[in-house]
All heavy atoms as atom14 arrays in JSON, in Angstrom:
{
  "sequence": "CLDSNKGLKNKDSTKVILNASELKKWFGKRAQAGKLEPKNLHS",
  "atom14_mask": [
    [1, 1, 1, 1, 1, 1, 0, 0, 0, 0, 0, 0, 0, 0],
    [1, 1, 1, 1, 1, 1, 1, 1, 0, 0, 0, 0, 0, 0],
    [1, 1, 1, 1, 1, 1, 1, 1, 0, 0, 0, 0, 0, 0],
    [1, 1, 1, 1, 1, 1, 0, 0, 0, 0, 0, 0, 0, 0],
    [1, 1, 1, 1, 1, 1, 1, 1, 0, 0, 0, 0, 0, 0],
    [1, 1, 1, 1, 1, 1, 1, 1, 1, 0, 0, 0, 0, 0],
    [1, 1, 1, 1, 0, 0, 0, 0, 0, 0, 0, 0, 0, 0],
    [1, 1, 1, 1, 1, 1, 1, 1, 0, 0, 0, 0, 0, 0],
    [1, 1, 1, 1, 1, 1, 1, 1, 1, 0, 0, 0, 0, 0],
    [1, 1, 1, 1, 1, 1, 1, 1, 0, 0, 0, 0, 0, 0],
    [1, 1, 1, 1, 1, 1, 1, 1, 1, 0, 0, 0, 0, 0],
    [1, 1, 1, 1, 1, 1, 1, 1, 0, 0, 0, 0, 0, 0],
    [1, 1, 1, 1, 1, 1, 0, 0, 0, 0, 0, 0, 0, 0],
    [1, 1, 1, 1, 1, 1, 1, 0, 0, 0, 0, 0, 0, 0],
    [1, 1, 1, 1, 1, 1, 1, 1, 1, 0, 0, 0, 0, 0],
    [1, 1, 1, 1, 1, 1, 1, 0, 0, 0, 0, 0, 0, 0],
    [1, 1, 1, 1, 1, 1, 1, 1, 0, 0, 0, 0, 0, 0],
    [1, 1, 1, 1, 1, 1, 1, 1, 0, 0, 0, 0, 0, 0],
    [1, 1, 1, 1, 1, 1, 1, 1, 0, 0, 0, 0, 0, 0],
    [1, 1, 1, 1, 1, 0, 0, 0, 0, 0, 0, 0, 0, 0],
    [1, 1, 1, 1, 1, 1, 0, 0, 0, 0, 0, 0, 0, 0],
    [1, 1, 1, 1, 1, 1, 1, 1, 1, 0, 0, 0, 0, 0],
    [1, 1, 1, 1, 1, 1, 1, 1, 0, 0, 0, 0, 0, 0],
    [1, 1, 1, 1, 1, 1, 1, 1, 1, 0, 0, 0, 0, 0],
    [1, 1, 1, 1, 1, 1, 1, 1, 1, 0, 0, 0, 0, 0],
    [1, 1, 1, 1, 1, 1, 1, 1, 1, 1, 1, 1, 1, 1],
    [1, 1, 1, 1, 1, 1, 1, 1, 1, 1, 1, 0, 0, 0],
    [1, 1, 1, 1, 0, 0, 0, 0, 0, 0, 0, 0, 0, 0],
    [1, 1, 1, 1, 1, 1, 1, 1, 1, 0, 0, 0, 0, 0],
    [1, 1, 1, 1, 1, 1, 1, 1, 1, 1, 1, 0, 0, 0],
    [1, 1, 1, 1, 1, 0, 0, 0, 0, 0, 0, 0, 0, 0],
    [1, 1, 1, 1, 1, 1, 1, 1, 1, 0, 0, 0, 0, 0],
    [1, 1, 1, 1, 1, 0, 0, 0, 0, 0, 0, 0, 0, 0],
    [1, 1, 1, 1, 0, 0, 0, 0, 0, 0, 0, 0, 0, 0],
    [1, 1, 1, 1, 1, 1, 1, 1, 1, 0, 0, 0, 0, 0],
    [1, 1, 1, 1, 1, 1, 1, 1, 0, 0, 0, 0, 0, 0],
    [1, 1, 1, 1, 1, 1, 1, 1, 1, 0, 0, 0, 0, 0],
    [1, 1, 1, 1, 1, 1, 1, 0, 0, 0, 0, 0, 0, 0],
    [1, 1, 1, 1, 1, 1, 1, 1, 1, 0, 0, 0, 0, 0],
    [1, 1, 1, 1, 1, 1, 1, 1, 0, 0, 0, 0, 0, 0],
    [1, 1, 1, 1, 1, 1, 1, 1, 0, 0, 0, 0, 0, 0],
    [1, 1, 1, 1, 1, 1, 1, 1, 1, 1, 0, 0, 0, 0],
    [1, 1, 1, 1, 1, 1, 0, 0, 0, 0, 0, 0, 0, 0]
  ],
  "atom14_positions": [
    [[95.81, 118.3, 40.39], [96.87, 118.08, 41.36], [97.34, 119.4, 41.94], [97.25, 120.44, 41.28], [98.03, 117.33, 40.71], [97.62, 115.69, 40.12], [0.0, 0.0, 0.0], [0.0, 0.0, 0.0], [0.0, 0.0, 0.0], [0.0, 0.0, 0.0], [0.0, 0.0, 0.0], [0.0, 0.0, 0.0], [0.0, 0.0, 0.0], [0.0, 0.0, 0.0]],
    [[97.87, 119.37, 43.14], [98.33, 120.58, 43.79], [99.4, 120.24, 44.83], [99.52, 119.09, 45.27], [97.2, 121.35, 44.44], [96.56, 120.75, 45.71], [95.92, 121.85, 46.53], [95.53, 119.69, 45.38], [0.0, 0.0, 0.0], [0.0, 0.0, 0.0], [0.0, 0.0, 0.0], [0.0, 0.0, 0.0], [0.0, 0.0, 0.0], [0.0, 0.0, 0.0]],
    [[100.11, 121.28, 45.24], [101.1, 121.16, 46.32], [100.41, 121.65, 47.58], [100.12, 122.84, 47.71], [102.33, 122.02, 46.01], [103.45, 121.87, 47.03], [103.15, 121.45, 48.15], [104.59, 122.19, 46.7], [0.0, 0.0, 0.0], [0.0, 0.0, 0.0], [0.0, 0.0, 0.0], [0.0, 0.0, 0.0], [0.0, 0.0, 0.0], [0.0, 0.0, 0.0]],
    [[100.12, 120.74, 48.5], [99.35, 121.1, 49.69], [100.09, 122.13, 50.56], [99.45, 122.87, 51.32], [99.05, 119.85, 50.52], [100.24, 119.22, 50.95], [0.0, 0.0, 0.0], [0.0, 0.0, 0.0], [0.0, 0.0, 0.0], [0.0, 0.0, 0.0], [0.0, 0.0, 0.0], [0.0, 0.0, 0.0], [0.0, 0.0, 0.0], [0.0, 0.0, 0.0]],
    [[101.41, 122.2, 50.45], [102.16, 123.16, 51.24], [102.0, 124.58, 50.72], [102.27, 125.56, 51.45], [103.66, 122.8, 51.23], [103.92, 121.49, 51.94], [103.39, 121.24, 53.03], [104.73, 120.64, 51.34], [0.0, 0.0, 0.0], [0.0, 0.0, 0.0], [0.0, 0.0, 0.0], [0.0, 0.0, 0.0], [0.0, 0.0, 0.0], [0.0, 0.0, 0.0]],
    [[101.55, 124.7, 49.47], [101.36, 126.03, 48.88], [99.88, 126.42, 48.8], [99.53, 127.51, 48.34], [101.96, 126.07, 47.47], [103.48, 125.89, 47.47], [104.05, 125.94, 46.07], [105.54, 125.77, 46.06], [106.12, 125.79, 44.7], [0.0, 0.0, 0.0], [0.0, 0.0, 0.0], [0.0, 0.0, 0.0], [0.0, 0.0, 0.0], [0.0, 0.0, 0.0]],
    [[99.0, 125.51, 49.25], [97.58, 125.8, 49.24], [96.95, 125.59, 47.88], [97.57, 125.05, 46.96], [0.0, 0.0, 0.0], [0.0, 0.0, 0.0], [0.0, 0.0, 0.0], [0.0, 0.0, 0.0], [0.0, 0.0, 0.0], [0.0, 0.0, 0.0], [0.0, 0.0, 0.0], [0.0, 0.0, 0.0], [0.0, 0.0, 0.0], [0.0, 0.0, 0.0]],
    [[95.69, 126.01, 47.75], [94.94, 125.86, 46.52], [94.86, 127.2, 45.81], [94.4, 128.2, 46.39], [93.53, 125.33, 46.84], [92.7, 124.78, 45.69], [91.66, 123.8, 46.23], [91.98, 125.9, 44.95], [0.0, 0.0, 0.0], [0.0, 0.0, 0.0], [0.0, 0.0, 0.0], [0.0, 0.0, 0.0], [0.0, 0.0, 0.0], [0.0, 0.0, 0.0]],
    [[95.31, 127.22, 44.54], [95.38, 128.46, 43.78], [94.33, 128.49, 42.67], [93.74, 127.46, 42.32], [96.79, 128.65, 43.18], [97.89, 128.73, 44.25], [99.24, 128.98, 43.6], [100.32, 129.09, 44.67], [101.66, 129.33, 44.05], [0.0, 0.0, 0.0], [0.0, 0.0, 0.0], [0.0, 0.0, 0.0], [0.0, 0.0, 0.0], [0.0, 0.0, 0.0]],
    [[94.14, 129.68, 42.11], [93.19, 129.79, 40.98], [93.81, 129.23, 39.71], [94.94, 128.75, 39.72], [92.77, 131.26, 40.78], [93.94, 132.16, 40.39], [95.1, 131.73, 40.35], [93.66, 133.41, 40.11], [0.0, 0.0, 0.0], [0.0, 0.0, 0.0], [0.0, 0.0, 0.0], [0.0, 0.0, 0.0], [0.0, 0.0, 0.0], [0.0, 0.0, 0.0]],
    [[93.05, 129.27, 38.64], [93.45, 128.64, 37.38], [94.81, 129.11, 36.88], [95.59, 128.32, 36.35], [92.37, 128.89, 36.3], [92.63, 128.15, 35.0], [91.54, 128.48, 33.98], [90.2, 127.94, 34.43], [89.15, 128.13, 33.37], [0.0, 0.0, 0.0], [0.0, 0.0, 0.0], [0.0, 0.0, 0.0], [0.0, 0.0, 0.0], [0.0, 0.0, 0.0]],
    [[95.1, 130.39, 37.03], [96.35, 130.94, 36.52], [97.48, 130.93, 37.57], [98.57, 131.45, 37.3], [96.14, 132.4, 36.07], [95.12, 132.49, 34.94], [95.1, 131.57, 34.11], [94.35, 133.47, 34.92], [0.0, 0.0, 0.0], [0.0, 0.0, 0.0], [0.0, 0.0, 0.0], [0.0, 0.0, 0.0], [0.0, 0.0, 0.0], [0.0, 0.0, 0.0]],
    [[97.18, 130.34, 38.73], [98.18, 130.26, 39.83], [98.65, 131.63, 40.28], [99.77, 131.79, 40.74], [99.38, 129.4, 39.42], [98.98, 128.07, 39.19], [0.0, 0.0, 0.0], [0.0, 0.0, 0.0], [0.0, 0.0, 0.0], [0.0, 0.0, 0.0], [0.0, 0.0, 0.0], [0.0, 0.0, 0.0], [0.0, 0.0, 0.0], [0.0, 0.0, 0.0]],
    [[97.81, 132.62, 40.13], [98.15, 134.0, 40.51], [97.59, 134.4, 41.87], [97.97, 135.41, 42.43], [97.65, 135.01, 39.44], [96.23, 134.83, 39.29], [98.32, 134.77, 38.1], [0.0, 0.0, 0.0], [0.0, 0.0, 0.0], [0.0, 0.0, 0.0], [0.0, 0.0, 0.0], [0.0, 0.0, 0.0], [0.0, 0.0, 0.0], [0.0, 0.0, 0.0]],
    [[96.67, 133.59, 42.39], [96.03, 133.93, 43.66], [95.75, 132.67, 44.47], [95.3, 131.66, 43.95], [94.7, 134.65, 43.37], [93.96, 135.11, 44.62], [92.67, 135.81, 44.23], [91.9, 136.24, 45.49], [90.61, 136.91, 45.13], [0.0, 0.0, 0.0], [0.0, 0.0, 0.0], [0.0, 0.0, 0.0], [0.0, 0.0, 0.0], [0.0, 0.0, 0.0]],
    [[96.06, 132.73, 45.77], [95.8, 131.63, 46.66], [94.34, 131.72, 47.16], [93.96, 132.72, 47.77], [96.76, 131.62, 47.86], [96.38, 130.51, 48.84], [98.18, 131.45, 47.38], [0.0, 0.0, 0.0], [0.0, 0.0, 0.0], [0.0, 0.0, 0.0], [0.0, 0.0, 0.0], [0.0, 0.0, 0.0], [0.0, 0.0, 0.0], [0.0, 0.0, 0.0]],
    [[93.53, 130.7, 46.89], [92.14, 130.67, 47.32], [92.02, 130.11, 48.71], [91.26, 130.62, 49.57], [91.29, 129.86, 46.34], [91.39, 130.46, 44.93], [89.83, 129.8, 46.78], [90.72, 129.62, 43.87], [0.0, 0.0, 0.0], [0.0, 0.0, 0.0], [0.0, 0.0, 0.0], [0.0, 0.0, 0.0], [0.0, 0.0, 0.0], [0.0, 0.0, 0.0]],
    [[92.77, 129.04, 48.98], [92.83, 128.43, 50.33], [94.29, 128.25, 50.65], [95.02, 127.57, 49.91], [92.11, 127.09, 50.35], [90.59, 127.07, 50.14], [90.11, 125.61, 50.01], [89.88, 127.74, 51.3], [0.0, 0.0, 0.0], [0.0, 0.0, 0.0], [0.0, 0.0, 0.0], [0.0, 0.0, 0.0], [0.0, 0.0, 0.0], [0.0, 0.0, 0.0]],
    [[94.76, 128.83, 51.75], [96.18, 128.59, 52.1], [96.35, 127.2, 52.71], [95.37, 126.47, 52.92], [96.69, 129.68, 53.05], [95.95, 129.71, 54.39], [95.61, 128.68, 54.95], [95.73, 130.92, 54.9], [0.0, 0.0, 0.0], [0.0, 0.0, 0.0], [0.0, 0.0, 0.0], [0.0, 0.0, 0.0], [0.0, 0.0, 0.0], [0.0, 0.0, 0.0]],
    [[97.59, 126.81, 52.97], [97.87, 125.45, 53.42], [97.12, 125.05, 54.68], [96.6, 123.93, 54.78], [99.37, 125.29, 53.63], [0.0, 0.0, 0.0], [0.0, 0.0, 0.0], [0.0, 0.0, 0.0], [0.0, 0.0, 0.0], [0.0, 0.0, 0.0], [0.0, 0.0, 0.0], [0.0, 0.0, 0.0], [0.0, 0.0, 0.0], [0.0, 0.0, 0.0]],
    [[97.01, 125.95, 55.64], [96.31, 125.63, 56.89], [94.79, 125.52, 56.68], [94.13, 124.67, 57.27], [96.62, 126.68, 57.96], [96.23, 127.97, 57.54], [0.0, 0.0, 0.0], [0.0, 0.0, 0.0], [0.0, 0.0, 0.0], [0.0, 0.0, 0.0], [0.0, 0.0, 0.0], [0.0, 0.0, 0.0], [0.0, 0.0, 0.0], [0.0, 0.0, 0.0]],
    [[94.22, 126.4, 55.82], [92.8, 126.33, 55.52], [92.44, 125.06, 54.77], [91.37, 124.48, 54.95], [92.39, 127.56, 54.69], [92.48, 128.89, 55.45], [92.26, 130.08, 54.53], [92.66, 129.99, 53.33], [91.74, 131.09, 55.01], [0.0, 0.0, 0.0], [0.0, 0.0, 0.0], [0.0, 0.0, 0.0], [0.0, 0.0, 0.0], [0.0, 0.0, 0.0]],
    [[93.34, 124.61, 53.91], [93.09, 123.45, 53.08], [92.92, 122.17, 53.88], [92.26, 121.22, 53.45], [94.25, 123.29, 52.07], [94.08, 122.29, 50.94], [92.92, 122.66, 50.03], [95.38, 122.23, 50.12], [0.0, 0.0, 0.0], [0.0, 0.0, 0.0], [0.0, 0.0, 0.0], [0.0, 0.0, 0.0], [0.0, 0.0, 0.0], [0.0, 0.0, 0.0]],
    [[93.51, 122.12, 55.07], [93.48, 120.92, 55.89], [92.04, 120.46, 56.19], [91.8, 119.27, 56.4], [94.23, 121.15, 57.2], [95.74, 121.3, 57.03], [96.42, 121.57, 58.37], [97.93, 121.71, 58.18], [98.61, 122.0, 59.46], [0.0, 0.0, 0.0], [0.0, 0.0, 0.0], [0.0, 0.0, 0.0], [0.0, 0.0, 0.0], [0.0, 0.0, 0.0]],
    [[91.11, 121.38, 56.23], [89.7, 121.04, 56.5], [89.15, 120.06, 55.49], [88.25, 119.27, 55.79], [88.86, 122.34, 56.49], [87.37, 122.13, 56.68], [86.62, 123.47, 56.62], [85.11, 123.23, 56.69], [84.37, 124.52, 56.63], [0.0, 0.0, 0.0], [0.0, 0.0, 0.0], [0.0, 0.0, 0.0], [0.0, 0.0, 0.0], [0.0, 0.0, 0.0]],
    [[89.66, 120.08, 54.25], [89.12, 119.25, 53.17], [89.95, 118.0, 52.92], [89.66, 117.23, 52.01], [88.97, 120.08, 51.91], [87.8, 121.01, 51.97], [86.5, 120.74, 51.62], [87.8, 122.36, 52.43], [85.7, 121.83, 51.84], [86.46, 122.86, 52.35], [88.78, 123.22, 52.92], [86.1, 124.14, 52.72], [88.44, 124.51, 53.3], [87.12, 124.96, 53.19]],
    [[91.0, 117.8, 53.73], [91.83, 116.61, 53.55], [91.12, 115.36, 54.07], [90.42, 115.41, 55.09], [93.17, 116.77, 54.26], [94.32, 117.02, 53.31], [94.74, 118.32, 53.04], [94.95, 115.98, 52.67], [95.76, 118.56, 52.19], [95.99, 116.2, 51.78], [96.4, 117.5, 51.53], [0.0, 0.0, 0.0], [0.0, 0.0, 0.0], [0.0, 0.0, 0.0]],
    [[91.3, 114.26, 53.36], [90.72, 112.99, 53.79], [91.38, 111.85, 53.05], [92.53, 111.98, 52.6], [0.0, 0.0, 0.0], [0.0, 0.0, 0.0], [0.0, 0.0, 0.0], [0.0, 0.0, 0.0], [0.0, 0.0, 0.0], [0.0, 0.0, 0.0], [0.0, 0.0, 0.0], [0.0, 0.0, 0.0], [0.0, 0.0, 0.0], [0.0, 0.0, 0.0]],
    [[90.67, 110.75, 52.93], [91.16, 109.59, 52.2], [90.4, 109.43, 50.89], [89.25, 109.84, 50.79], [91.0, 108.31, 53.06], [91.85, 108.27, 54.3], [93.33, 108.18, 53.95], [94.17, 108.02, 55.21], [95.62, 107.9, 54.86], [0.0, 0.0, 0.0], [0.0, 0.0, 0.0], [0.0, 0.0, 0.0], [0.0, 0.0, 0.0], [0.0, 0.0, 0.0]],
    [[91.04, 108.81, 49.92], [90.4, 108.55, 48.65], [89.06, 107.83, 48.83], [88.93, 106.99, 49.69], [91.32, 107.69, 47.77], [90.74, 107.33, 46.41], [91.65, 106.4, 45.62], [91.81, 105.09, 46.25], [90.93, 104.11, 46.16], [89.78, 104.31, 45.51], [91.15, 102.96, 46.72], [0.0, 0.0, 0.0], [0.0, 0.0, 0.0], [0.0, 0.0, 0.0]],
    [[88.06, 108.22, 48.02], [86.74, 107.6, 48.0], [85.82, 108.07, 49.14], [84.7, 107.59, 49.27], [86.82, 106.07, 48.01], [0.0, 0.0, 0.0], [0.0, 0.0, 0.0], [0.0, 0.0, 0.0], [0.0, 0.0, 0.0], [0.0, 0.0, 0.0], [0.0, 0.0, 0.0], [0.0, 0.0, 0.0], [0.0, 0.0, 0.0], [0.0, 0.0, 0.0]],
    [[86.29, 109.04, 49.96], [85.39, 109.65, 50.93], [84.5, 110.69, 50.23], [84.72, 111.04, 49.08], [86.19, 110.29, 52.05], [86.87, 109.29, 52.97], [87.65, 109.97, 54.08], [88.04, 111.12, 53.99], [87.89, 109.2, 55.15], [0.0, 0.0, 0.0], [0.0, 0.0, 0.0], [0.0, 0.0, 0.0], [0.0, 0.0, 0.0], [0.0, 0.0, 0.0]],
    [[83.52, 111.24, 50.94], [82.6, 112.19, 50.35], [83.16, 113.61, 50.29], [82.79, 114.38, 49.4], [81.27, 112.19, 51.12], [0.0, 0.0, 0.0], [0.0, 0.0, 0.0], [0.0, 0.0, 0.0], [0.0, 0.0, 0.0], [0.0, 0.0, 0.0], [0.0, 0.0, 0.0], [0.0, 0.0, 0.0], [0.0, 0.0, 0.0], [0.0, 0.0, 0.0]],
    [[84.01, 113.94, 51.23], [84.51, 115.31, 51.28], [83.55, 116.24, 52.0], [82.55, 115.8, 52.59], [0.0, 0.0, 0.0], [0.0, 0.0, 0.0], [0.0, 0.0, 0.0], [0.0, 0.0, 0.0], [0.0, 0.0, 0.0], [0.0, 0.0, 0.0], [0.0, 0.0, 0.0], [0.0, 0.0, 0.0], [0.0, 0.0, 0.0], [0.0, 0.0, 0.0]],
    [[83.82, 117.52, 51.95], [82.99, 118.52, 52.6], [82.59, 119.61, 51.6], [83.25, 119.77, 50.56], [83.74, 119.16, 53.78], [84.08, 118.15, 54.88], [84.84, 118.82, 56.03], [85.18, 117.79, 57.11], [85.93, 118.42, 58.22], [0.0, 0.0, 0.0], [0.0, 0.0, 0.0], [0.0, 0.0, 0.0], [0.0, 0.0, 0.0], [0.0, 0.0, 0.0]],
    [[81.55, 120.33, 51.91], [81.06, 121.37, 51.0], [82.2, 122.3, 50.59], [82.99, 122.73, 51.44], [79.95, 122.2, 51.64], [78.57, 121.49, 51.77], [77.62, 122.39, 52.55], [78.0, 121.16, 50.38], [0.0, 0.0, 0.0], [0.0, 0.0, 0.0], [0.0, 0.0, 0.0], [0.0, 0.0, 0.0], [0.0, 0.0, 0.0], [0.0, 0.0, 0.0]],
    [[82.3, 122.57, 49.31], [83.37, 123.42, 48.79], [83.18, 124.85, 49.29], [82.07, 125.28, 49.59], [83.38, 123.4, 47.28], [82.14, 124.04, 46.65], [82.3, 124.4, 45.18], [83.37, 124.13, 44.62], [81.36, 124.96, 44.62], [0.0, 0.0, 0.0], [0.0, 0.0, 0.0], [0.0, 0.0, 0.0], [0.0, 0.0, 0.0], [0.0, 0.0, 0.0]],
    [[84.26, 125.62, 49.35], [84.14, 127.05, 49.59], [83.27, 127.65, 48.5], [83.22, 127.15, 47.38], [85.57, 127.57, 49.52], [86.43, 126.35, 49.78], [85.66, 125.21, 49.23], [0.0, 0.0, 0.0], [0.0, 0.0, 0.0], [0.0, 0.0, 0.0], [0.0, 0.0, 0.0], [0.0, 0.0, 0.0], [0.0, 0.0, 0.0], [0.0, 0.0, 0.0]],
    [[82.57, 128.73, 48.77], [81.6, 129.28, 47.86], [82.16, 129.48, 46.44], [83.16, 130.17, 46.24], [81.12, 130.63, 48.4], [79.94, 131.21, 47.62], [79.42, 132.47, 48.25], [78.23, 133.04, 47.45], [77.75, 134.3, 48.07], [0.0, 0.0, 0.0], [0.0, 0.0, 0.0], [0.0, 0.0, 0.0], [0.0, 0.0, 0.0], [0.0, 0.0, 0.0]],
    [[81.49, 128.8, 45.48], [81.83, 128.92, 44.06], [83.29, 128.63, 43.74], [83.86, 129.2, 42.8], [81.47, 130.32, 43.55], [79.99, 130.6, 43.6], [79.18, 129.7, 43.38], [79.62, 131.83, 43.93], [0.0, 0.0, 0.0], [0.0, 0.0, 0.0], [0.0, 0.0, 0.0], [0.0, 0.0, 0.0], [0.0, 0.0, 0.0], [0.0, 0.0, 0.0]],
    [[83.9, 127.73, 44.49], [85.3, 127.39, 44.23], [85.51, 126.88, 42.82], [86.46, 127.28, 42.15], [85.76, 126.33, 45.26], [87.16, 125.76, 45.01], [88.21, 126.81, 45.26], [87.4, 124.55, 45.92], [0.0, 0.0, 0.0], [0.0, 0.0, 0.0], [0.0, 0.0, 0.0], [0.0, 0.0, 0.0], [0.0, 0.0, 0.0], [0.0, 0.0, 0.0]],
    [[84.62, 125.99, 42.35], [84.82, 125.39, 41.03], [84.84, 126.4, 39.9], [85.49, 126.16, 38.88], [83.71, 124.36, 40.77], [82.34, 124.92, 40.68], [81.61, 125.27, 41.82], [81.56, 125.21, 39.63], [80.43, 125.74, 41.44], [80.39, 125.73, 40.13], [0.0, 0.0, 0.0], [0.0, 0.0, 0.0], [0.0, 0.0, 0.0], [0.0, 0.0, 0.0]],
    [[84.18, 127.54, 40.09], [84.17, 128.53, 39.06], [85.47, 129.36, 39.0], [85.74, 130.06, 38.02], [82.98, 129.5, 39.23], [83.13, 130.22, 40.45], [0.0, 0.0, 0.0], [0.0, 0.0, 0.0], [0.0, 0.0, 0.0], [0.0, 0.0, 0.0], [0.0, 0.0, 0.0], [0.0, 0.0, 0.0], [0.0, 0.0, 0.0], [0.0, 0.0, 0.0]]
  ]
}
């Protein structure tokens, strides 16, 4: 879970990986496929 107004942060919440405006690209509805993640985001 995350606060979309604060963007997507790393595991320790010390760094913003995607800010709120950048995050909009990946917004959709539940059960959709989504879009390719930013490079190595999951790591």
